[in-house]
Protein backbone atom coordinates (compact mmCIF):
# COMPACT_ATOMS: atom_id res chain seq x y z
CA UNK A 1 36.22 58.45 215.86
CA UNK A 2 34.86 55.84 218.22
CA UNK A 3 31.28 54.75 218.68
CA UNK A 4 29.00 52.28 220.36
CA UNK A 5 25.29 51.95 220.83
CA UNK A 6 22.39 50.77 222.92
CA UNK A 7 18.60 50.48 222.88
CA UNK A 8 16.66 53.34 224.43
CA UNK A 9 12.89 53.18 224.02
CA UNK A 10 11.99 52.93 220.34
CA UNK A 11 15.44 54.25 219.36
CA UNK A 12 18.80 52.67 218.95
CA UNK A 13 21.21 55.34 220.22
CA UNK A 14 24.68 55.53 218.69
CA UNK A 15 27.16 57.40 220.89
CA UNK A 16 29.90 58.93 218.74
CA UNK A 17 33.16 60.32 220.14
CA UNK A 18 35.76 62.44 218.35
CA UNK A 19 36.11 63.87 214.88
CA UNK A 20 34.35 62.46 211.83
CA UNK A 21 36.84 63.85 209.37
CA UNK A 22 38.22 60.97 207.33
CA UNK A 23 36.62 59.02 204.52
CA UNK A 24 37.20 55.85 206.53
CA UNK A 25 35.17 57.28 209.45
CA UNK A 26 32.22 58.06 207.19
CA UNK A 27 32.34 54.63 205.55
CA UNK A 28 32.45 52.86 208.92
CA UNK A 29 29.58 54.95 210.32
CA UNK A 30 27.43 54.39 207.23
CA UNK A 31 28.14 50.66 207.35
CA UNK A 32 27.15 50.54 211.03
CA UNK A 33 23.89 52.38 210.36
CA UNK A 34 23.16 50.08 207.41
CA UNK A 35 23.72 47.05 209.64
CA UNK A 36 21.27 48.47 212.19
CA UNK A 37 18.67 48.98 209.44
CA UNK A 38 19.24 45.43 208.15
CA UNK A 39 18.46 44.24 211.70
CA UNK A 40 15.14 46.10 211.53
CA UNK A 41 16.07 49.22 213.45
CA UNK A 42 14.22 52.12 211.82
CA UNK A 43 14.55 54.73 214.58
CA UNK A 44 18.16 55.70 215.13
CA UNK A 45 19.49 58.52 217.29
CA UNK A 46 23.04 59.77 217.00
CA UNK A 47 24.44 61.23 220.20
CA UNK A 48 26.73 63.98 218.92
CA UNK A 49 27.60 65.50 222.31
CA UNK A 50 31.23 64.34 222.02
CA UNK A 51 31.69 65.01 218.31
CA UNK A 52 34.07 67.91 217.89
CA UNK A 53 34.15 68.07 214.09
CA UNK A 54 32.42 66.60 211.07
CA UNK A 55 33.22 67.00 207.42
CA UNK A 56 31.17 66.81 204.22
CA UNK A 57 31.49 63.02 204.14
CA UNK A 58 29.90 62.81 207.57
CA UNK A 59 27.12 65.15 206.46
CA UNK A 60 26.48 62.87 203.50
CA UNK A 61 26.12 59.92 205.88
CA UNK A 62 23.63 61.86 208.01
CA UNK A 63 21.57 62.87 204.98
CA UNK A 64 21.67 59.33 203.60
CA UNK A 65 20.64 57.91 206.99
CA UNK A 66 17.76 60.37 207.33
CA UNK A 67 16.44 59.50 203.86
CA UNK A 68 16.89 55.72 204.24
CA UNK A 69 15.17 55.65 207.63
CA UNK A 70 12.28 57.79 206.35
CA UNK A 71 11.76 55.35 203.47
CA UNK A 72 11.43 52.57 206.04
CA UNK A 73 8.91 54.55 208.10
CA UNK A 74 11.44 55.50 210.75
CA UNK A 75 13.42 58.54 211.72
CA UNK A 76 16.86 59.90 212.46
CA UNK A 77 17.31 61.95 215.63
CA UNK A 78 20.41 63.93 216.52
CA UNK A 79 21.21 64.47 220.19
CA UNK A 80 23.17 67.35 221.70
CA UNK A 81 25.30 68.61 218.83
CA UNK A 82 27.96 71.13 219.85
CA UNK A 83 27.58 74.70 218.66
CA UNK A 84 30.03 74.06 215.80
CA UNK A 85 28.28 70.87 214.70
CA UNK A 86 24.88 72.54 214.98
CA UNK A 87 26.09 75.38 212.75
CA UNK A 88 27.26 72.86 210.13
CA UNK A 89 23.88 71.06 210.32
CA UNK A 90 22.09 74.40 209.89
CA UNK A 91 24.17 75.42 206.87
CA UNK A 92 23.61 72.02 205.24
CA UNK A 93 19.86 72.26 205.88
CA UNK A 94 19.80 69.05 207.91
CA UNK A 95 18.38 70.85 210.93
CA UNK A 96 15.21 71.48 208.90
CA UNK A 97 14.54 67.78 208.23
CA UNK A 98 16.06 65.79 211.11
CA UNK A 99 14.81 66.01 214.68
CA UNK A 100 17.52 67.64 216.79
CA UNK A 101 17.43 67.49 220.58
CA UNK A 102 19.57 70.22 222.17
CA UNK A 103 20.26 68.08 225.26
CA UNK A 104 20.16 64.45 226.34
CA UNK A 105 17.44 65.43 228.82
CA UNK A 106 15.27 66.76 225.97
CA UNK A 107 15.66 63.44 224.15
CA UNK A 108 14.81 61.45 227.30
CA UNK A 109 11.76 63.65 227.92
CA UNK A 110 10.52 63.13 224.35
CA UNK A 111 10.91 59.36 224.74
CA UNK A 112 8.88 59.34 227.97
CA UNK A 113 6.17 61.66 226.72
CA UNK A 114 5.99 60.53 223.10
């Protein structure tokens, strides 16, 4: 797993590449999100377009992030999950609570049109 991020409107977008399938990956991702929150970022979007697999540890990080951001008055958005990742999000119930944008264009449109 590799990742990096940048500001985009009110969101800080984290671009994630690869599989999130090791405990170390989940710990690193959670630490990164915590650091963003400590810096005052309360709206975080995870670009999942290049994530090919995620395990239960990664799901726990997503659920934790959603809850922690909500408590701070912010939100977690998920951008362009693959069909496999979307199925996992659906089964875990995360698609019912987190805002999921099917494409990057949908996310960009929502940013422009609030």
